[in-house]
Amino acid sequence: MFLDNDAILKLVACHLFWETVAALGSNQENLRVLSDAKYVFKKSRRVIGKYPEAIRLSAISIVEGCQAIKPEFNPELPELEIEGIDPGERLLISATRNESAFYLITGDKRCLKALAAASQLAEIRERLQGRVICLEQVIFKLIEIQGFEEVLKNVLLGRDYDKALASVFGSGEWATEENVLLGLVAYIEDLRQETEGILASI
């Protein structure tokens, strides 16, 4: 299972990282992250400005125990150098090239839309068909497994770090399961339509 930095931080902020790993049938041995994730969490001004130290330290602890994706040359990398796909996402996507079964969890919707819109990336899109999971899908899945109240309690701790979660859970502790699920489904279906089948069914 491949995870981008954004997804890691947001799941940690919601206290739902390991619950997500378990819900998707994976474990720490199978988690793959960017090799510089730890340093980004430590030193990036953007990350430091957005996330408090406790969240960043927890995220660092997690990635230190995961397999690191090293920035080795891959013939797909130049092809993926298009607007909307940042260097980290390029590495994650290219690292799936030799995998027969995987999930890619990302919080970068801009990347997914750019990937779907680029005609020259048809072969890469085909490999990713049904393999990409967005944050809203994770939360929906966890509600199915853990129950709404348990997930609500945790998401409220980190919803402000993600625009979609802030919107869907905008009523805070008064949020209802019906409204939250409707909101999550709306985000998921919009993204599914914009990304031409890349999203997984989980």
N, C-alpha and C. Protein backbone atom coordinates (compact mmCIF):
# COMPACT_ATOMS: atom_id res chain seq x y z
N MET A 1 0.85 -1.19 0.00
CA MET A 1 0.00 0.00 0.00
C MET A 1 0.88 1.24 0.00
N PHE A 2 0.66 2.13 -0.94
CA PHE A 2 1.42 3.36 -1.10
C PHE A 2 0.63 4.52 -0.48
N LEU A 3 1.32 5.38 0.27
CA LEU A 3 0.65 6.52 0.90
C LEU A 3 1.42 7.80 0.64
N ASP A 4 0.70 8.85 0.25
CA ASP A 4 1.38 10.13 0.09
C ASP A 4 1.42 10.87 1.43
N ASN A 5 2.25 11.88 1.50
CA ASN A 5 2.47 12.61 2.76
C ASN A 5 1.19 13.25 3.28
N ASP A 6 0.40 13.78 2.36
CA ASP A 6 -0.83 14.47 2.75
C ASP A 6 -1.80 13.51 3.44
N ALA A 7 -1.97 12.34 2.86
CA ALA A 7 -2.88 11.35 3.45
C ALA A 7 -2.39 10.90 4.82
N ILE A 8 -1.09 10.70 4.95
CA ILE A 8 -0.52 10.28 6.24
C ILE A 8 -0.83 11.30 7.32
N LEU A 9 -0.53 12.56 7.04
CA LEU A 9 -0.73 13.62 8.04
C LEU A 9 -2.20 13.76 8.43
N LYS A 10 -3.08 13.70 7.45
CA LYS A 10 -4.50 13.89 7.75
C LYS A 10 -5.08 12.71 8.53
N LEU A 11 -4.66 11.51 8.20
CA LEU A 11 -5.13 10.34 8.95
C LEU A 11 -4.59 10.34 10.37
N VAL A 12 -3.34 10.76 10.52
CA VAL A 12 -2.75 10.88 11.87
C VAL A 12 -3.51 11.95 12.66
N ALA A 13 -3.81 13.06 12.03
CA ALA A 13 -4.53 14.15 12.71
C ALA A 13 -5.90 13.69 13.20
N CYS A 14 -6.51 12.76 12.44
CA CYS A 14 -7.82 12.23 12.82
C CYS A 14 -7.72 10.99 13.71
N HIS A 15 -6.50 10.62 14.09
CA HIS A 15 -6.29 9.43 14.93
C HIS A 15 -6.88 8.18 14.28
N LEU A 16 -6.73 8.11 12.95
CA LEU A 16 -7.34 6.99 12.21
C LEU A 16 -6.34 6.31 11.27
N PHE A 17 -5.05 6.52 11.49
CA PHE A 17 -4.08 5.95 10.56
C PHE A 17 -4.09 4.42 10.61
N TRP A 18 -3.87 3.86 11.78
CA TRP A 18 -3.76 2.39 11.87
C TRP A 18 -5.11 1.72 11.65
N GLU A 19 -6.18 2.42 11.99
CA GLU A 19 -7.51 1.89 11.71
C GLU A 19 -7.71 1.76 10.19
N THR A 20 -7.18 2.72 9.45
CA THR A 20 -7.27 2.69 7.99
C THR A 20 -6.48 1.52 7.42
N VAL A 21 -5.27 1.35 7.91
CA VAL A 21 -4.43 0.25 7.45
C VAL A 21 -5.13 -1.10 7.66
N ALA A 22 -5.71 -1.27 8.85
CA ALA A 22 -6.41 -2.51 9.16
C ALA A 22 -7.66 -2.68 8.29
N ALA A 23 -8.39 -1.59 8.09
CA ALA A 23 -9.63 -1.66 7.30
C ALA A 23 -9.37 -2.07 5.86
N LEU A 24 -8.18 -1.75 5.36
CA LEU A 24 -7.84 -2.08 3.98
C LEU A 24 -7.06 -3.39 3.88
N GLY A 25 -7.02 -4.12 4.99
CA GLY A 25 -6.41 -5.44 4.99
C GLY A 25 -4.90 -5.43 4.84
N SER A 26 -4.26 -4.37 5.31
CA SER A 26 -2.81 -4.28 5.18
C SER A 26 -2.16 -4.27 6.56
N ASN A 27 -0.85 -4.08 6.57
CA ASN A 27 -0.10 -3.99 7.82
C ASN A 27 1.15 -3.14 7.58
N GLN A 28 1.88 -2.85 8.65
CA GLN A 28 3.01 -1.93 8.53
C GLN A 28 4.07 -2.43 7.56
N GLU A 29 4.27 -3.73 7.48
CA GLU A 29 5.29 -4.29 6.59
C GLU A 29 5.01 -3.98 5.13
N ASN A 30 3.75 -3.77 4.80
CA ASN A 30 3.37 -3.54 3.40
C ASN A 30 3.19 -2.06 3.05
N LEU A 31 3.47 -1.18 3.99
CA LEU A 31 3.28 0.25 3.74
C LEU A 31 4.52 0.84 3.09
N ARG A 32 4.29 1.62 2.04
CA ARG A 32 5.40 2.26 1.33
C ARG A 32 5.17 3.76 1.26
N VAL A 33 6.20 4.51 1.65
CA VAL A 33 6.10 5.96 1.72
C VAL A 33 7.30 6.58 1.02
N LEU A 34 7.24 7.86 0.77
CA LEU A 34 8.36 8.56 0.14
C LEU A 34 9.56 8.58 1.08
N SER A 35 10.73 8.43 0.52
CA SER A 35 11.94 8.34 1.34
C SER A 35 12.22 9.62 2.11
N ASP A 36 11.74 10.75 1.63
CA ASP A 36 12.00 12.01 2.33
C ASP A 36 10.83 12.45 3.22
N ALA A 37 9.84 11.56 3.41
CA ALA A 37 8.66 11.94 4.19
C ALA A 37 9.04 12.44 5.58
N LYS A 38 9.94 11.73 6.23
CA LYS A 38 10.34 12.11 7.58
C LYS A 38 10.91 13.53 7.62
N TYR A 39 11.70 13.86 6.63
CA TYR A 39 12.34 15.18 6.61
C TYR A 39 11.34 16.28 6.25
N VAL A 40 10.38 15.93 5.40
CA VAL A 40 9.32 16.88 5.08
C VAL A 40 8.51 17.20 6.33
N PHE A 41 8.17 16.17 7.10
CA PHE A 41 7.40 16.38 8.33
C PHE A 41 8.19 17.16 9.36
N LYS A 42 9.51 17.03 9.33
CA LYS A 42 10.36 17.73 10.30
C LYS A 42 10.62 19.19 9.91
N LYS A 43 10.84 19.42 8.59
CA LYS A 43 11.43 20.70 8.19
C LYS A 43 10.62 21.56 7.24
N SER A 44 9.60 20.98 6.60
CA SER A 44 8.82 21.77 5.65
C SER A 44 8.09 22.91 6.36
N ARG A 45 8.28 24.11 5.90
CA ARG A 45 7.60 25.25 6.51
C ARG A 45 6.09 25.15 6.36
N ARG A 46 5.67 24.64 5.22
CA ARG A 46 4.22 24.48 5.00
C ARG A 46 3.63 23.50 5.99
N VAL A 47 4.31 22.37 6.19
CA VAL A 47 3.81 21.35 7.11
C VAL A 47 3.87 21.86 8.55
N ILE A 48 4.97 22.48 8.91
CA ILE A 48 5.13 23.01 10.28
C ILE A 48 4.07 24.07 10.56
N GLY A 49 3.76 24.89 9.55
CA GLY A 49 2.76 25.94 9.74
C GLY A 49 1.35 25.43 9.85
N LYS A 50 1.10 24.23 9.31
CA LYS A 50 -0.26 23.69 9.29
C LYS A 50 -0.53 22.71 10.42
N TYR A 51 0.46 21.87 10.74
CA TYR A 51 0.24 20.79 11.70
C TYR A 51 1.06 21.00 12.97
N PRO A 52 0.45 20.82 14.13
CA PRO A 52 1.20 20.94 15.40
C PRO A 52 2.24 19.84 15.54
N GLU A 53 3.16 20.04 16.45
CA GLU A 53 4.29 19.14 16.61
C GLU A 53 3.85 17.70 16.92
N ALA A 54 2.83 17.54 17.74
CA ALA A 54 2.39 16.20 18.14
C ALA A 54 1.99 15.37 16.93
N ILE A 55 1.29 15.98 15.99
CA ILE A 55 0.87 15.27 14.79
C ILE A 55 2.07 14.93 13.93
N ARG A 56 2.98 15.89 13.78
CA ARG A 56 4.16 15.65 12.95
C ARG A 56 5.06 14.57 13.54
N LEU A 57 5.21 14.55 14.84
CA LEU A 57 6.03 13.52 15.48
C LEU A 57 5.40 12.14 15.33
N SER A 58 4.09 12.07 15.44
CA SER A 58 3.41 10.78 15.24
C SER A 58 3.58 10.29 13.80
N ALA A 59 3.48 11.22 12.86
CA ALA A 59 3.65 10.86 11.45
C ALA A 59 5.08 10.40 11.17
N ILE A 60 6.05 11.06 11.79
CA ILE A 60 7.46 10.66 11.64
C ILE A 60 7.67 9.25 12.18
N SER A 61 7.10 8.97 13.35
CA SER A 61 7.23 7.65 13.95
C SER A 61 6.67 6.57 13.03
N ILE A 62 5.58 6.87 12.36
CA ILE A 62 4.96 5.91 11.45
C ILE A 62 5.85 5.66 10.24
N VAL A 63 6.30 6.73 9.57
CA VAL A 63 7.05 6.53 8.32
C VAL A 63 8.42 5.90 8.57
N GLU A 64 8.95 6.07 9.77
CA GLU A 64 10.23 5.44 10.08
C GLU A 64 10.13 3.92 10.07
N GLY A 65 8.92 3.39 10.25
CA GLY A 65 8.74 1.96 10.25
C GLY A 65 8.20 1.40 8.94
N CYS A 66 8.14 2.25 7.91
CA CYS A 66 7.61 1.83 6.62
C CYS A 66 8.73 1.66 5.59
N GLN A 67 8.42 0.98 4.50
CA GLN A 67 9.37 0.88 3.40
C GLN A 67 9.46 2.22 2.68
N ALA A 68 10.68 2.65 2.41
CA ALA A 68 10.89 3.95 1.76
C ALA A 68 11.03 3.78 0.26
N ILE A 69 10.32 4.62 -0.49
CA ILE A 69 10.45 4.66 -1.94
C ILE A 69 11.58 5.62 -2.28
N LYS A 70 12.65 5.11 -2.81
CA LYS A 70 13.81 5.95 -3.13
C LYS A 70 13.65 6.56 -4.51
N PRO A 71 14.15 7.78 -4.68
CA PRO A 71 13.98 8.50 -5.96
C PRO A 71 14.91 7.98 -7.05
N GLU A 72 14.82 6.68 -7.33
CA GLU A 72 15.62 6.11 -8.40
C GLU A 72 14.96 6.40 -9.74
N PHE A 73 15.76 6.38 -10.79
CA PHE A 73 15.19 6.70 -12.11
C PHE A 73 14.21 5.62 -12.54
N ASN A 74 13.11 6.07 -13.07
CA ASN A 74 12.09 5.19 -13.63
C ASN A 74 11.71 5.79 -14.97
N PRO A 75 11.60 4.98 -16.01
CA PRO A 75 11.31 5.54 -17.34
C PRO A 75 9.99 6.31 -17.41
N GLU A 76 9.11 6.11 -16.44
CA GLU A 76 7.84 6.84 -16.45
C GLU A 76 7.96 8.25 -15.87
N LEU A 77 9.00 8.51 -15.13
CA LEU A 77 9.10 9.80 -14.43
C LEU A 77 9.02 11.00 -15.37
N PRO A 78 9.79 11.03 -16.45
CA PRO A 78 9.68 12.18 -17.35
C PRO A 78 8.27 12.35 -17.91
N GLU A 79 7.62 11.23 -18.20
CA GLU A 79 6.26 11.28 -18.75
C GLU A 79 5.28 11.89 -17.76
N LEU A 80 5.55 11.69 -16.48
CA LEU A 80 4.64 12.19 -15.44
C LEU A 80 4.91 13.64 -15.06
N GLU A 81 5.88 14.26 -15.70
CA GLU A 81 6.21 15.65 -15.38
C GLU A 81 5.24 16.58 -16.09
N ILE A 82 4.03 16.65 -15.57
CA ILE A 82 3.02 17.54 -16.11
C ILE A 82 2.46 18.40 -14.98
N GLU A 83 1.86 19.51 -15.36
CA GLU A 83 1.29 20.42 -14.37
C GLU A 83 0.20 19.72 -13.56
N GLY A 84 0.29 19.85 -12.24
CA GLY A 84 -0.72 19.26 -11.37
C GLY A 84 -0.22 18.02 -10.65
N ILE A 85 0.87 17.42 -11.14
CA ILE A 85 1.44 16.24 -10.49
C ILE A 85 2.78 16.62 -9.90
N ASP A 86 2.86 16.68 -8.57
CA ASP A 86 4.11 17.14 -7.95
C ASP A 86 5.13 16.00 -7.89
N PRO A 87 6.39 16.31 -7.58
CA PRO A 87 7.44 15.28 -7.60
C PRO A 87 7.15 14.07 -6.71
N GLY A 88 6.56 14.31 -5.54
CA GLY A 88 6.25 13.20 -4.66
C GLY A 88 5.22 12.26 -5.25
N GLU A 89 4.18 12.81 -5.85
CA GLU A 89 3.15 11.98 -6.48
C GLU A 89 3.72 11.24 -7.69
N ARG A 90 4.62 11.89 -8.42
CA ARG A 90 5.25 11.21 -9.56
C ARG A 90 6.00 9.97 -9.10
N LEU A 91 6.73 10.10 -7.99
CA LEU A 91 7.47 8.95 -7.47
C LEU A 91 6.54 7.83 -7.02
N LEU A 92 5.48 8.21 -6.32
CA LEU A 92 4.53 7.20 -5.84
C LEU A 92 3.89 6.45 -7.01
N ILE A 93 3.45 7.20 -8.01
CA ILE A 93 2.80 6.58 -9.16
C ILE A 93 3.77 5.68 -9.91
N SER A 94 4.98 6.17 -10.14
CA SER A 94 5.95 5.36 -10.89
C SER A 94 6.38 4.13 -10.10
N ALA A 95 6.36 4.21 -8.78
CA ALA A 95 6.76 3.07 -7.94
C ALA A 95 5.76 1.92 -8.02
N THR A 96 4.56 2.18 -8.49
CA THR A 96 3.56 1.11 -8.63
C THR A 96 3.80 0.29 -9.89
N ARG A 97 4.74 0.70 -10.69
CA ARG A 97 4.95 0.10 -12.02
C ARG A 97 5.21 -1.40 -11.97
N ASN A 98 5.92 -1.86 -10.96
CA ASN A 98 6.27 -3.28 -10.88
C ASN A 98 5.43 -4.05 -9.86
N GLU A 99 4.29 -3.46 -9.48
CA GLU A 99 3.42 -4.10 -8.50
C GLU A 99 2.20 -4.71 -9.19
N SER A 100 1.86 -5.91 -8.80
CA SER A 100 0.70 -6.56 -9.40
C SER A 100 -0.59 -6.27 -8.63
N ALA A 101 -0.45 -6.00 -7.34
CA ALA A 101 -1.63 -5.70 -6.51
C ALA A 101 -1.24 -4.63 -5.50
N PHE A 102 -1.97 -3.54 -5.48
CA PHE A 102 -1.62 -2.44 -4.59
C PHE A 102 -2.80 -1.48 -4.46
N TYR A 103 -2.74 -0.64 -3.43
CA TYR A 103 -3.59 0.53 -3.31
C TYR A 103 -2.68 1.75 -3.18
N LEU A 104 -3.13 2.85 -3.72
CA LEU A 104 -2.46 4.13 -3.56
C LEU A 104 -3.42 5.07 -2.86
N ILE A 105 -3.08 5.45 -1.63
CA ILE A 105 -3.93 6.36 -0.86
C ILE A 105 -3.36 7.76 -0.98
N THR A 106 -4.16 8.67 -1.45
CA THR A 106 -3.69 10.03 -1.67
C THR A 106 -4.71 11.07 -1.22
N GLY A 107 -4.19 12.18 -0.76
CA GLY A 107 -5.04 13.31 -0.43
C GLY A 107 -4.96 14.39 -1.50
N ASP A 108 -4.26 14.09 -2.61
CA ASP A 108 -4.01 15.08 -3.66
C ASP A 108 -4.97 14.91 -4.82
N LYS A 109 -6.12 15.54 -4.73
CA LYS A 109 -7.12 15.43 -5.80
C LYS A 109 -6.67 16.14 -7.07
N ARG A 110 -5.87 17.18 -6.92
CA ARG A 110 -5.35 17.91 -8.08
C ARG A 110 -4.51 16.97 -8.96
N CYS A 111 -3.72 16.15 -8.30
CA CYS A 111 -2.90 15.17 -9.02
C CYS A 111 -3.78 14.19 -9.79
N LEU A 112 -4.81 13.68 -9.16
CA LEU A 112 -5.67 12.69 -9.80
C LEU A 112 -6.39 13.28 -11.01
N LYS A 113 -6.82 14.51 -10.89
CA LYS A 113 -7.51 15.16 -12.01
C LYS A 113 -6.55 15.42 -13.17
N ALA A 114 -5.31 15.81 -12.83
CA ALA A 114 -4.31 16.03 -13.87
C ALA A 114 -3.97 14.72 -14.57
N LEU A 115 -3.88 13.66 -13.81
CA LEU A 115 -3.58 12.34 -14.35
C LEU A 115 -4.69 11.89 -15.31
N ALA A 116 -5.93 12.13 -14.92
CA ALA A 116 -7.06 11.72 -15.75
C ALA A 116 -7.16 12.53 -17.03
N ALA A 117 -6.70 13.77 -16.99
CA ALA A 117 -6.86 14.67 -18.13
C ALA A 117 -5.75 14.54 -19.17
N ALA A 118 -4.65 13.90 -18.80
CA ALA A 118 -3.48 13.83 -19.69
C ALA A 118 -3.60 12.63 -20.63
N SER A 119 -3.81 12.89 -21.92
CA SER A 119 -4.01 11.81 -22.88
C SER A 119 -2.78 10.90 -23.00
N GLN A 120 -1.59 11.46 -22.77
CA GLN A 120 -0.36 10.67 -22.92
C GLN A 120 -0.12 9.70 -21.78
N LEU A 121 -0.97 9.75 -20.74
CA LEU A 121 -0.78 8.88 -19.58
C LEU A 121 -1.78 7.73 -19.54
N ALA A 122 -2.32 7.37 -20.69
CA ALA A 122 -3.35 6.33 -20.76
C ALA A 122 -2.88 5.00 -20.18
N GLU A 123 -1.65 4.62 -20.47
CA GLU A 123 -1.14 3.35 -19.98
C GLU A 123 -1.01 3.35 -18.46
N ILE A 124 -0.56 4.47 -17.91
CA ILE A 124 -0.43 4.59 -16.46
C ILE A 124 -1.81 4.58 -15.80
N ARG A 125 -2.76 5.28 -16.41
CA ARG A 125 -4.13 5.28 -15.87
C ARG A 125 -4.70 3.87 -15.85
N GLU A 126 -4.42 3.10 -16.88
CA GLU A 126 -4.93 1.73 -16.94
C GLU A 126 -4.39 0.91 -15.76
N ARG A 127 -3.13 1.10 -15.44
CA ARG A 127 -2.55 0.37 -14.31
C ARG A 127 -3.18 0.78 -12.99
N LEU A 128 -3.57 2.03 -12.90
CA LEU A 128 -4.14 2.56 -11.65
C LEU A 128 -5.64 2.35 -11.53
N GLN A 129 -6.27 1.81 -12.57
CA GLN A 129 -7.71 1.63 -12.54
C GLN A 129 -8.13 0.84 -11.30
N GLY A 130 -9.02 1.43 -10.51
CA GLY A 130 -9.53 0.76 -9.32
C GLY A 130 -8.52 0.57 -8.21
N ARG A 131 -7.42 1.31 -8.26
CA ARG A 131 -6.35 1.14 -7.28
C ARG A 131 -6.13 2.35 -6.38
N VAL A 132 -6.77 3.46 -6.68
CA VAL A 132 -6.54 4.71 -5.94
C VAL A 132 -7.66 4.93 -4.94
N ILE A 133 -7.28 5.33 -3.73
CA ILE A 133 -8.25 5.58 -2.66
C ILE A 133 -8.07 7.00 -2.15
N CYS A 134 -9.17 7.74 -2.07
CA CYS A 134 -9.12 9.10 -1.54
C CYS A 134 -9.55 9.09 -0.07
N LEU A 135 -9.30 10.19 0.60
CA LEU A 135 -9.56 10.28 2.04
C LEU A 135 -11.04 10.07 2.38
N GLU A 136 -11.93 10.60 1.53
CA GLU A 136 -13.35 10.46 1.80
C GLU A 136 -13.79 9.00 1.76
N GLN A 137 -13.20 8.23 0.86
CA GLN A 137 -13.51 6.79 0.81
C GLN A 137 -13.07 6.08 2.08
N VAL A 138 -11.91 6.47 2.58
CA VAL A 138 -11.41 5.88 3.83
C VAL A 138 -12.38 6.13 4.97
N ILE A 139 -12.82 7.37 5.10
CA ILE A 139 -13.73 7.72 6.20
C ILE A 139 -15.05 6.98 6.06
N PHE A 140 -15.56 6.88 4.85
CA PHE A 140 -16.80 6.14 4.61
C PHE A 140 -16.64 4.67 5.03
N LYS A 141 -15.52 4.08 4.63
CA LYS A 141 -15.25 2.68 4.97
C LYS A 141 -15.15 2.49 6.48
N LEU A 142 -14.50 3.40 7.16
CA LEU A 142 -14.34 3.28 8.61
C LEU A 142 -15.67 3.42 9.34
N ILE A 143 -16.56 4.25 8.82
CA ILE A 143 -17.89 4.36 9.42
C ILE A 143 -18.63 3.03 9.31
N GLU A 144 -18.48 2.36 8.16
CA GLU A 144 -19.10 1.04 7.99
C GLU A 144 -18.56 0.04 9.01
N ILE A 145 -17.26 0.11 9.28
CA ILE A 145 -16.62 -0.88 10.14
C ILE A 145 -16.76 -0.54 11.62
N GLN A 146 -16.47 0.70 11.98
CA GLN A 146 -16.39 1.09 13.39
C GLN A 146 -17.67 1.70 13.94
N GLY A 147 -18.52 2.16 13.06
CA GLY A 147 -19.72 2.86 13.51
C GLY A 147 -19.51 4.36 13.46
N PHE A 148 -20.58 5.07 13.25
CA PHE A 148 -20.51 6.51 13.03
C PHE A 148 -19.94 7.27 14.23
N GLU A 149 -20.43 6.98 15.42
CA GLU A 149 -20.04 7.76 16.59
C GLU A 149 -18.54 7.67 16.87
N GLU A 150 -17.98 6.49 16.69
CA GLU A 150 -16.55 6.29 16.93
C GLU A 150 -15.71 7.09 15.93
N VAL A 151 -16.10 7.06 14.67
CA VAL A 151 -15.37 7.79 13.64
C VAL A 151 -15.55 9.29 13.82
N LEU A 152 -16.76 9.70 14.14
CA LEU A 152 -17.03 11.13 14.35
C LEU A 152 -16.11 11.70 15.43
N LYS A 153 -16.01 10.99 16.53
CA LYS A 153 -15.16 11.43 17.64
C LYS A 153 -13.73 11.70 17.18
N ASN A 154 -13.21 10.84 16.33
CA ASN A 154 -11.84 10.98 15.87
C ASN A 154 -11.69 12.03 14.77
N VAL A 155 -12.61 12.03 13.83
CA VAL A 155 -12.52 12.99 12.72
C VAL A 155 -12.59 14.43 13.23
N LEU A 156 -13.39 14.66 14.27
CA LEU A 156 -13.49 16.02 14.80
C LEU A 156 -12.15 16.55 15.31
N LEU A 157 -11.23 15.65 15.63
CA LEU A 157 -9.90 16.07 16.08
C LEU A 157 -9.07 16.60 14.92
N GLY A 158 -9.37 16.16 13.69
CA GLY A 158 -8.52 16.55 12.58
C GLY A 158 -9.23 17.09 11.36
N ARG A 159 -10.52 17.33 11.46
CA ARG A 159 -11.28 17.74 10.26
C ARG A 159 -10.81 19.06 9.68
N ASP A 160 -10.28 19.96 10.52
CA ASP A 160 -9.91 21.28 10.04
C ASP A 160 -8.66 21.27 9.15
N TYR A 161 -8.01 20.11 9.04
CA TYR A 161 -6.83 20.02 8.18
C TYR A 161 -7.18 19.60 6.76
N ASP A 162 -8.47 19.38 6.50
CA ASP A 162 -8.90 18.96 5.17
C ASP A 162 -10.22 19.67 4.84
N LYS A 163 -10.27 20.32 3.68
CA LYS A 163 -11.44 21.12 3.32
C LYS A 163 -12.70 20.28 3.20
N ALA A 164 -12.58 19.11 2.59
CA ALA A 164 -13.76 18.27 2.40
C ALA A 164 -14.30 17.77 3.74
N LEU A 165 -13.41 17.31 4.61
CA LEU A 165 -13.86 16.84 5.92
C LEU A 165 -14.44 17.98 6.75
N ALA A 166 -13.84 19.16 6.64
CA ALA A 166 -14.37 20.32 7.37
C ALA A 166 -15.78 20.64 6.92
N SER A 167 -16.04 20.44 5.63
CA SER A 167 -17.38 20.69 5.10
C SER A 167 -18.36 19.60 5.51
N VAL A 168 -17.97 18.34 5.30
CA VAL A 168 -18.87 17.22 5.57
C VAL A 168 -19.21 17.12 7.06
N PHE A 169 -18.22 17.37 7.90
CA PHE A 169 -18.43 17.29 9.35
C PHE A 169 -18.59 18.68 9.96
N GLY A 170 -19.10 19.60 9.17
CA GLY A 170 -19.21 20.99 9.60
C GLY A 170 -20.09 21.22 10.81
N SER A 171 -21.02 20.31 11.08
CA SER A 171 -21.91 20.48 12.24
C SER A 171 -21.27 19.99 13.53
N GLY A 172 -20.04 19.52 13.43
CA GLY A 172 -19.32 19.10 14.63
C GLY A 172 -19.99 17.93 15.32
N GLU A 173 -20.09 18.00 16.63
CA GLU A 173 -20.66 16.89 17.40
C GLU A 173 -22.14 16.69 17.12
N TRP A 174 -22.77 17.64 16.45
CA TRP A 174 -24.19 17.50 16.10
C TRP A 174 -24.37 16.92 14.69
N ALA A 175 -23.29 16.58 14.03
CA ALA A 175 -23.38 15.98 12.70
C ALA A 175 -24.16 14.67 12.78
N THR A 176 -24.95 14.40 11.76
CA THR A 176 -25.72 13.16 11.73
C THR A 176 -25.09 12.18 10.73
N GLU A 177 -25.28 10.92 10.99
CA GLU A 177 -24.71 9.91 10.10
C GLU A 177 -25.26 10.06 8.68
N GLU A 178 -26.53 10.30 8.56
CA GLU A 178 -27.15 10.42 7.23
C GLU A 178 -26.50 11.55 6.43
N ASN A 179 -26.37 12.73 7.05
CA ASN A 179 -25.82 13.87 6.32
C ASN A 179 -24.34 13.68 6.00
N VAL A 180 -23.61 13.09 6.93
CA VAL A 180 -22.19 12.85 6.69
C VAL A 180 -21.99 11.88 5.53
N LEU A 181 -22.73 10.78 5.53
CA LEU A 181 -22.60 9.80 4.45
C LEU A 181 -22.99 10.40 3.11
N LEU A 182 -24.04 11.20 3.10
CA LEU A 182 -24.44 11.86 1.85
C LEU A 182 -23.34 12.79 1.35
N GLY A 183 -22.72 13.52 2.27
CA GLY A 183 -21.63 14.43 1.90
C GLY A 183 -20.42 13.68 1.36
N LEU A 184 -20.06 12.61 2.04
CA LEU A 184 -18.91 11.81 1.59
C LEU A 184 -19.16 11.22 0.21
N VAL A 185 -20.36 10.66 0.02
CA VAL A 185 -20.70 10.06 -1.28
C VAL A 185 -20.64 11.11 -2.38
N ALA A 186 -21.09 12.32 -2.10
CA ALA A 186 -21.07 13.38 -3.11
C ALA A 186 -19.65 13.69 -3.55
N TYR A 187 -18.74 13.81 -2.58
CA TYR A 187 -17.33 14.08 -2.91
C TYR A 187 -16.73 12.91 -3.69
N ILE A 188 -17.01 11.70 -3.25
CA ILE A 188 -16.44 10.51 -3.89
C ILE A 188 -16.93 10.39 -5.32
N GLU A 189 -18.24 10.55 -5.55
CA GLU A 189 -18.79 10.39 -6.88
C GLU A 189 -18.32 11.49 -7.83
N ASP A 190 -18.18 12.71 -7.33
CA ASP A 190 -17.65 13.80 -8.17
C ASP A 190 -16.24 13.46 -8.63
N LEU A 191 -15.42 12.99 -7.68
CA LEU A 191 -14.04 12.65 -8.02
C LEU A 191 -13.98 11.44 -8.95
N ARG A 192 -14.87 10.48 -8.71
CA ARG A 192 -14.90 9.29 -9.56
C ARG A 192 -15.19 9.67 -11.01
N GLN A 193 -16.12 10.59 -11.21
CA GLN A 193 -16.47 11.02 -12.56
C GLN A 193 -15.33 11.78 -13.21
N GLU A 194 -14.61 12.56 -12.41
CA GLU A 194 -13.53 13.38 -12.96
C GLU A 194 -12.25 12.58 -13.22
N THR A 195 -12.16 11.39 -12.65
CA THR A 195 -10.91 10.63 -12.77
C THR A 195 -11.06 9.32 -13.54
N GLU A 196 -12.18 9.12 -14.20
CA GLU A 196 -12.36 8.05 -15.17
C GLU A 196 -12.00 6.65 -14.65
N GLY A 197 -12.55 6.29 -13.51
CA GLY A 197 -12.40 4.92 -13.03
C GLY A 197 -11.15 4.61 -12.26
N ILE A 198 -10.36 5.64 -11.95
CA ILE A 198 -9.12 5.39 -11.19
C ILE A 198 -9.45 4.96 -9.75
N LEU A 199 -10.51 5.53 -9.18
CA LEU A 199 -10.83 5.24 -7.78
C LEU A 199 -11.21 3.78 -7.58
N ALA A 200 -10.77 3.24 -6.45
CA ALA A 200 -11.09 1.86 -6.08
C ALA A 200 -12.53 1.78 -5.58
N SER A 201 -13.03 0.57 -5.53
CA SER A 201 -14.31 0.28 -4.86
C SER A 201 -13.95 -0.51 -3.61
N ILE A 202 -14.13 0.12 -2.47
CA ILE A 202 -13.72 -0.53 -1.21
C ILE A 202 -14.91 -0.66 -0.26
